[in-house]
Amino acid sequence: MIQRIQSIYLALASLASLALPFVFSLYANPDGTASWAKDDAIVLGLFVLSGVLSLITIFLYKKRQNQFVLGRLIIILNFVLLGVLVYRSQILSGGTAVLEKGIGMIIPLISIVLLALANKAIKRDEDLVKSVDRLR
């Protein structure tokens, strides 16, 4: 059952959280240097935790309810990560003057969208199984 659409969404969310922070910078410091996820332990830890949990969720396909709940927890984790990124980009000296935010700031949003699509597919599978059980 790994070939389901939610597994693809979860794999893409995991890939986004584990690989993209190393490809795209998060934001630019006032002196013009780029800030990466590997420069900040908290941000890196949240990205890795989000990616690993998404990967674990793929293999919980026999327990759809647990998969659904874990998906929601990962969405909350990505909102926390987004909040940390916005906070870190704003506390830089001249925080509002820094107009150059990197594309890495939207990685948690990409993950949130993919996880929401995965949860929608998981819910659809769960509803299908319940409807089949009613017919028996």
N, C-alpha and C. Protein backbone atom coordinates (compact mmCIF):
# COMPACT_ATOMS: atom_id res chain seq x y z
N MET A 1 0.81 -1.20 0.00
CA MET A 1 0.00 0.00 0.00
C MET A 1 0.86 1.27 0.00
N ILE A 2 2.13 1.13 -0.23
CA ILE A 2 2.99 2.30 -0.27
C ILE A 2 2.76 3.10 -1.55
N GLN A 3 2.16 2.51 -2.56
CA GLN A 3 1.98 3.19 -3.83
C GLN A 3 0.78 4.14 -3.83
N ARG A 4 0.17 4.43 -2.69
CA ARG A 4 -0.97 5.34 -2.63
C ARG A 4 -0.51 6.78 -2.83
N ILE A 5 -1.44 7.65 -3.19
CA ILE A 5 -1.11 9.04 -3.49
C ILE A 5 -0.59 9.77 -2.26
N GLN A 6 -1.11 9.42 -1.07
CA GLN A 6 -0.63 10.10 0.13
C GLN A 6 0.82 9.77 0.42
N SER A 7 1.27 8.59 -0.01
CA SER A 7 2.68 8.25 0.16
C SER A 7 3.56 9.14 -0.70
N ILE A 8 3.07 9.47 -1.88
CA ILE A 8 3.82 10.38 -2.75
C ILE A 8 3.87 11.77 -2.14
N TYR A 9 2.74 12.25 -1.62
CA TYR A 9 2.71 13.55 -0.98
C TYR A 9 3.64 13.59 0.23
N LEU A 10 3.61 12.55 1.04
CA LEU A 10 4.48 12.49 2.22
C LEU A 10 5.95 12.42 1.83
N ALA A 11 6.27 11.68 0.78
CA ALA A 11 7.65 11.59 0.32
C ALA A 11 8.14 12.95 -0.20
N LEU A 12 7.27 13.66 -0.92
CA LEU A 12 7.64 14.99 -1.40
C LEU A 12 7.82 15.97 -0.24
N ALA A 13 6.97 15.87 0.78
CA ALA A 13 7.10 16.73 1.96
C ALA A 13 8.41 16.42 2.69
N SER A 14 8.74 15.14 2.78
CA SER A 14 9.99 14.75 3.41
C SER A 14 11.19 15.25 2.62
N LEU A 15 11.12 15.12 1.32
CA LEU A 15 12.20 15.61 0.45
C LEU A 15 12.35 17.12 0.58
N ALA A 16 11.22 17.82 0.63
CA ALA A 16 11.27 19.28 0.77
C ALA A 16 11.92 19.69 2.09
N SER A 17 11.62 18.96 3.16
CA SER A 17 12.16 19.32 4.47
C SER A 17 13.61 18.89 4.65
N LEU A 18 14.00 17.80 4.02
CA LEU A 18 15.36 17.30 4.21
C LEU A 18 16.37 17.83 3.19
N ALA A 19 15.96 18.13 1.97
CA ALA A 19 16.92 18.50 0.93
C ALA A 19 16.91 19.99 0.60
N LEU A 20 15.74 20.58 0.49
CA LEU A 20 15.66 21.96 0.02
C LEU A 20 16.35 22.99 0.94
N PRO A 21 16.38 22.81 2.27
CA PRO A 21 17.09 23.80 3.10
C PRO A 21 18.59 23.87 2.81
N PHE A 22 19.14 22.82 2.21
CA PHE A 22 20.55 22.84 1.87
C PHE A 22 20.80 23.39 0.47
N VAL A 23 19.74 23.54 -0.31
CA VAL A 23 19.86 24.06 -1.67
C VAL A 23 19.58 25.56 -1.71
N PHE A 24 18.58 26.01 -0.97
CA PHE A 24 18.16 27.41 -0.99
C PHE A 24 18.48 28.07 0.35
N SER A 25 18.93 29.33 0.29
CA SER A 25 19.20 30.06 1.53
C SER A 25 17.88 30.53 2.14
N LEU A 26 17.90 30.70 3.46
CA LEU A 26 16.69 31.09 4.17
C LEU A 26 16.43 32.60 4.05
N TYR A 27 17.45 33.38 4.28
CA TYR A 27 17.34 34.83 4.16
C TYR A 27 18.75 35.41 4.08
N ALA A 28 18.83 36.68 3.72
CA ALA A 28 20.13 37.35 3.61
C ALA A 28 20.31 38.26 4.82
N ASN A 29 21.48 38.21 5.41
CA ASN A 29 21.82 39.09 6.52
C ASN A 29 22.02 40.51 5.99
N PRO A 30 21.97 41.52 6.87
CA PRO A 30 22.15 42.91 6.41
C PRO A 30 23.48 43.15 5.70
N ASP A 31 24.51 42.36 6.03
CA ASP A 31 25.80 42.54 5.37
C ASP A 31 25.87 41.84 4.01
N GLY A 32 24.78 41.20 3.62
CA GLY A 32 24.71 40.60 2.29
C GLY A 32 25.02 39.11 2.24
N THR A 33 25.43 38.52 3.36
CA THR A 33 25.72 37.08 3.36
C THR A 33 24.42 36.30 3.53
N ALA A 34 24.38 35.16 2.91
CA ALA A 34 23.18 34.31 2.98
C ALA A 34 23.20 33.49 4.27
N SER A 35 22.04 33.30 4.85
CA SER A 35 21.90 32.47 6.04
C SER A 35 21.26 31.15 5.62
N TRP A 36 21.90 30.05 5.97
CA TRP A 36 21.45 28.72 5.59
C TRP A 36 20.89 28.00 6.80
N ALA A 37 20.18 26.93 6.58
CA ALA A 37 19.60 26.15 7.68
C ALA A 37 20.69 25.52 8.52
N LYS A 38 21.79 25.13 7.90
CA LYS A 38 22.86 24.47 8.65
C LYS A 38 23.60 25.43 9.58
N ASP A 39 23.37 26.73 9.43
CA ASP A 39 23.99 27.73 10.30
C ASP A 39 23.29 27.84 11.64
N ASP A 40 22.07 27.38 11.75
CA ASP A 40 21.27 27.51 12.96
C ASP A 40 20.79 26.13 13.39
N ALA A 41 21.19 25.69 14.58
CA ALA A 41 20.90 24.33 15.04
C ALA A 41 19.40 24.11 15.24
N ILE A 42 18.68 25.10 15.73
CA ILE A 42 17.25 24.94 15.99
C ILE A 42 16.48 24.77 14.68
N VAL A 43 16.79 25.62 13.72
CA VAL A 43 16.11 25.55 12.42
C VAL A 43 16.45 24.23 11.73
N LEU A 44 17.71 23.85 11.76
CA LEU A 44 18.12 22.59 11.14
C LEU A 44 17.43 21.41 11.82
N GLY A 45 17.36 21.44 13.15
CA GLY A 45 16.68 20.37 13.88
C GLY A 45 15.21 20.27 13.54
N LEU A 46 14.54 21.40 13.39
CA LEU A 46 13.12 21.38 13.04
C LEU A 46 12.90 20.87 11.62
N PHE A 47 13.78 21.27 10.68
CA PHE A 47 13.68 20.76 9.32
C PHE A 47 13.88 19.24 9.28
N VAL A 48 14.91 18.77 9.98
CA VAL A 48 15.20 17.33 9.98
C VAL A 48 14.08 16.55 10.67
N LEU A 49 13.58 17.07 11.78
CA LEU A 49 12.48 16.39 12.49
C LEU A 49 11.24 16.30 11.62
N SER A 50 10.94 17.38 10.92
CA SER A 50 9.78 17.38 10.02
C SER A 50 9.96 16.35 8.90
N GLY A 51 11.15 16.30 8.32
CA GLY A 51 11.41 15.37 7.23
C GLY A 51 11.40 13.92 7.68
N VAL A 52 12.00 13.65 8.83
CA VAL A 52 12.05 12.27 9.33
C VAL A 52 10.66 11.79 9.73
N LEU A 53 9.88 12.65 10.38
CA LEU A 53 8.52 12.26 10.75
C LEU A 53 7.64 12.02 9.53
N SER A 54 7.85 12.81 8.49
CA SER A 54 7.10 12.58 7.24
C SER A 54 7.48 11.24 6.63
N LEU A 55 8.75 10.90 6.71
CA LEU A 55 9.21 9.62 6.19
C LEU A 55 8.65 8.45 7.01
N ILE A 56 8.60 8.61 8.31
CA ILE A 56 8.03 7.57 9.18
C ILE A 56 6.54 7.40 8.90
N THR A 57 5.86 8.49 8.65
CA THR A 57 4.42 8.46 8.42
C THR A 57 4.06 7.63 7.19
N ILE A 58 4.94 7.61 6.21
CA ILE A 58 4.68 6.82 5.00
C ILE A 58 4.46 5.35 5.35
N PHE A 59 5.23 4.84 6.30
CA PHE A 59 5.19 3.42 6.61
C PHE A 59 4.14 3.05 7.66
N LEU A 60 3.30 3.98 8.04
CA LEU A 60 2.19 3.71 8.95
C LEU A 60 0.89 3.49 8.17
N TYR A 61 1.00 2.97 6.96
CA TYR A 61 -0.18 2.85 6.10
C TYR A 61 -1.21 1.86 6.62
N LYS A 62 -0.84 0.95 7.49
CA LYS A 62 -1.82 0.01 8.05
C LYS A 62 -2.63 0.64 9.17
N LYS A 63 -2.09 1.71 9.75
CA LYS A 63 -2.78 2.41 10.84
C LYS A 63 -3.12 3.81 10.34
N ARG A 64 -4.17 3.92 9.57
CA ARG A 64 -4.52 5.18 8.93
C ARG A 64 -4.83 6.30 9.92
N GLN A 65 -5.43 5.97 11.03
CA GLN A 65 -5.76 7.00 12.02
C GLN A 65 -4.48 7.58 12.63
N ASN A 66 -3.51 6.72 12.94
CA ASN A 66 -2.23 7.21 13.45
C ASN A 66 -1.50 8.03 12.39
N GLN A 67 -1.61 7.61 11.15
CA GLN A 67 -0.98 8.33 10.04
C GLN A 67 -1.59 9.73 9.92
N PHE A 68 -2.90 9.81 10.06
CA PHE A 68 -3.60 11.09 9.97
C PHE A 68 -3.19 12.02 11.11
N VAL A 69 -3.14 11.49 12.33
CA VAL A 69 -2.77 12.31 13.50
C VAL A 69 -1.33 12.78 13.39
N LEU A 70 -0.43 11.90 12.98
CA LEU A 70 0.97 12.27 12.83
C LEU A 70 1.13 13.33 11.73
N GLY A 71 0.34 13.23 10.69
CA GLY A 71 0.36 14.25 9.64
C GLY A 71 -0.03 15.62 10.18
N ARG A 72 -1.04 15.65 11.04
CA ARG A 72 -1.45 16.92 11.64
C ARG A 72 -0.37 17.47 12.56
N LEU A 73 0.30 16.59 13.31
CA LEU A 73 1.38 17.04 14.18
C LEU A 73 2.54 17.61 13.38
N ILE A 74 2.83 17.02 12.23
CA ILE A 74 3.90 17.54 11.38
C ILE A 74 3.51 18.89 10.79
N ILE A 75 2.23 19.07 10.48
CA ILE A 75 1.77 20.37 10.01
C ILE A 75 1.98 21.43 11.10
N ILE A 76 1.65 21.10 12.34
CA ILE A 76 1.87 22.03 13.45
C ILE A 76 3.36 22.32 13.62
N LEU A 77 4.19 21.28 13.48
CA LEU A 77 5.64 21.46 13.57
C LEU A 77 6.14 22.40 12.47
N ASN A 78 5.59 22.29 11.28
CA ASN A 78 6.00 23.18 10.20
C ASN A 78 5.53 24.61 10.43
N PHE A 79 4.38 24.80 11.08
CA PHE A 79 3.95 26.15 11.45
C PHE A 79 4.90 26.74 12.49
N VAL A 80 5.35 25.92 13.44
CA VAL A 80 6.33 26.38 14.43
C VAL A 80 7.63 26.77 13.72
N LEU A 81 8.06 25.93 12.79
CA LEU A 81 9.28 26.22 12.02
C LEU A 81 9.13 27.52 11.24
N LEU A 82 7.98 27.73 10.62
CA LEU A 82 7.74 28.97 9.89
C LEU A 82 7.79 30.17 10.83
N GLY A 83 7.22 30.02 12.02
CA GLY A 83 7.27 31.10 13.01
C GLY A 83 8.70 31.40 13.45
N VAL A 84 9.50 30.36 13.65
CA VAL A 84 10.90 30.56 14.03
C VAL A 84 11.66 31.27 12.92
N LEU A 85 11.42 30.87 11.68
CA LEU A 85 12.10 31.51 10.55
C LEU A 85 11.72 32.98 10.43
N VAL A 86 10.45 33.29 10.57
CA VAL A 86 10.01 34.69 10.48
C VAL A 86 10.59 35.49 11.64
N TYR A 87 10.60 34.91 12.83
CA TYR A 87 11.16 35.59 14.01
C TYR A 87 12.64 35.86 13.81
N ARG A 88 13.37 34.84 13.36
CA ARG A 88 14.82 35.00 13.15
C ARG A 88 15.12 36.02 12.06
N SER A 89 14.31 36.08 11.06
CA SER A 89 14.58 37.05 9.99
C SER A 89 14.23 38.47 10.43
N GLN A 90 13.34 38.62 11.39
CA GLN A 90 12.94 39.95 11.84
C GLN A 90 13.81 40.50 12.96
N ILE A 91 14.52 39.65 13.71
CA ILE A 91 15.35 40.16 14.81
C ILE A 91 16.74 40.55 14.34
N LEU A 92 17.00 40.39 13.06
CA LEU A 92 18.28 40.86 12.53
C LEU A 92 18.33 42.37 12.70
N SER A 93 19.53 42.90 12.82
CA SER A 93 19.62 44.36 12.94
C SER A 93 19.02 44.99 11.70
N GLY A 94 18.10 45.89 11.91
CA GLY A 94 17.37 46.48 10.79
C GLY A 94 16.41 45.47 10.19
N GLY A 95 15.72 44.71 11.03
CA GLY A 95 14.88 43.60 10.59
C GLY A 95 13.86 43.95 9.53
N THR A 96 13.22 45.10 9.65
CA THR A 96 12.23 45.44 8.64
C THR A 96 12.88 46.02 7.39
N ALA A 97 14.14 46.46 7.52
CA ALA A 97 14.83 47.00 6.36
C ALA A 97 15.36 45.90 5.45
N VAL A 98 15.46 44.69 5.99
CA VAL A 98 15.98 43.58 5.19
C VAL A 98 14.86 43.12 4.27
N LEU A 99 14.99 43.40 3.01
CA LEU A 99 13.95 43.04 2.05
C LEU A 99 14.26 41.73 1.35
N GLU A 100 15.46 41.24 1.53
CA GLU A 100 15.89 40.08 0.77
C GLU A 100 15.70 38.80 1.58
N LYS A 101 14.51 38.27 1.53
CA LYS A 101 14.23 36.98 2.15
C LYS A 101 14.52 35.92 1.11
N GLY A 102 15.12 34.84 1.54
CA GLY A 102 15.43 33.77 0.60
C GLY A 102 14.20 32.91 0.32
N ILE A 103 14.31 32.13 -0.72
CA ILE A 103 13.22 31.24 -1.09
C ILE A 103 13.06 30.14 -0.05
N GLY A 104 14.08 29.93 0.75
CA GLY A 104 14.02 28.91 1.80
C GLY A 104 12.98 29.19 2.86
N MET A 105 12.50 30.43 2.94
CA MET A 105 11.47 30.78 3.93
C MET A 105 10.13 30.13 3.60
N ILE A 106 9.91 29.73 2.33
CA ILE A 106 8.62 29.15 1.98
C ILE A 106 8.65 27.62 1.99
N ILE A 107 9.78 27.03 2.33
CA ILE A 107 9.86 25.56 2.38
C ILE A 107 8.84 24.98 3.36
N PRO A 108 8.68 25.55 4.57
CA PRO A 108 7.64 25.01 5.45
C PRO A 108 6.23 25.13 4.86
N LEU A 109 5.97 26.17 4.08
CA LEU A 109 4.65 26.30 3.45
C LEU A 109 4.44 25.21 2.40
N ILE A 110 5.48 24.88 1.66
CA ILE A 110 5.39 23.79 0.68
C ILE A 110 5.08 22.48 1.40
N SER A 111 5.77 22.24 2.51
CA SER A 111 5.53 21.03 3.29
C SER A 111 4.12 20.99 3.85
N ILE A 112 3.63 22.13 4.32
CA ILE A 112 2.28 22.19 4.89
C ILE A 112 1.24 21.84 3.83
N VAL A 113 1.40 22.38 2.64
CA VAL A 113 0.45 22.09 1.56
C VAL A 113 0.48 20.60 1.21
N LEU A 114 1.68 20.04 1.07
CA LEU A 114 1.80 18.62 0.73
C LEU A 114 1.23 17.72 1.84
N LEU A 115 1.46 18.10 3.09
CA LEU A 115 0.93 17.31 4.21
C LEU A 115 -0.60 17.42 4.29
N ALA A 116 -1.13 18.59 3.97
CA ALA A 116 -2.59 18.75 3.97
C ALA A 116 -3.21 17.89 2.87
N LEU A 117 -2.58 17.84 1.71
CA LEU A 117 -3.07 16.97 0.64
C LEU A 117 -2.98 15.49 1.03
N ALA A 118 -1.91 15.13 1.71
CA ALA A 118 -1.76 13.74 2.17
C ALA A 118 -2.85 13.40 3.19
N ASN A 119 -3.12 14.32 4.12
CA ASN A 119 -4.16 14.06 5.12
C ASN A 119 -5.54 13.95 4.47
N LYS A 120 -5.77 14.74 3.44
CA LYS A 120 -7.04 14.65 2.73
C LYS A 120 -7.19 13.28 2.07
N ALA A 121 -6.12 12.76 1.47
CA ALA A 121 -6.16 11.44 0.85
C ALA A 121 -6.30 10.33 1.89
N ILE A 122 -5.65 10.49 3.03
CA ILE A 122 -5.78 9.50 4.11
C ILE A 122 -7.22 9.47 4.61
N LYS A 123 -7.81 10.63 4.78
CA LYS A 123 -9.21 10.71 5.24
C LYS A 123 -10.14 10.06 4.22
N ARG A 124 -9.87 10.28 2.94
CA ARG A 124 -10.69 9.67 1.89
C ARG A 124 -10.58 8.14 1.94
N ASP A 125 -9.38 7.61 2.16
CA ASP A 125 -9.20 6.16 2.30
C ASP A 125 -9.94 5.63 3.51
N GLU A 126 -9.86 6.34 4.60
CA GLU A 126 -10.53 5.92 5.83
C GLU A 126 -12.05 5.90 5.64
N ASP A 127 -12.58 6.90 4.98
CA ASP A 127 -14.01 6.93 4.70
C ASP A 127 -14.42 5.78 3.77
N LEU A 128 -13.58 5.45 2.80
CA LEU A 128 -13.87 4.34 1.89
C LEU A 128 -13.91 3.02 2.65
N VAL A 129 -12.96 2.80 3.54
CA VAL A 129 -12.94 1.57 4.32
C VAL A 129 -14.16 1.48 5.23
N LYS A 130 -14.56 2.59 5.83
CA LYS A 130 -15.74 2.59 6.69
C LYS A 130 -17.01 2.29 5.89
N SER A 131 -17.09 2.81 4.68
CA SER A 131 -18.29 2.56 3.87
C SER A 131 -18.36 1.10 3.43
N VAL A 132 -17.23 0.49 3.16
CA VAL A 132 -17.20 -0.93 2.79
C VAL A 132 -17.58 -1.80 3.98
N ASP A 133 -17.15 -1.40 5.18
CA ASP A 133 -17.50 -2.16 6.38
C ASP A 133 -18.99 -2.09 6.66
N ARG A 134 -19.64 -1.02 6.31
CA ARG A 134 -21.09 -0.89 6.52
C ARG A 134 -21.87 -1.84 5.61
N LEU A 135 -21.32 -2.14 4.45
CA LEU A 135 -22.02 -3.00 3.50
C LEU A 135 -21.97 -4.48 3.89
N ARG A 136 -21.04 -4.83 4.73
CA ARG A 136 -20.91 -6.25 5.11
C ARG A 136 -22.02 -6.71 5.98
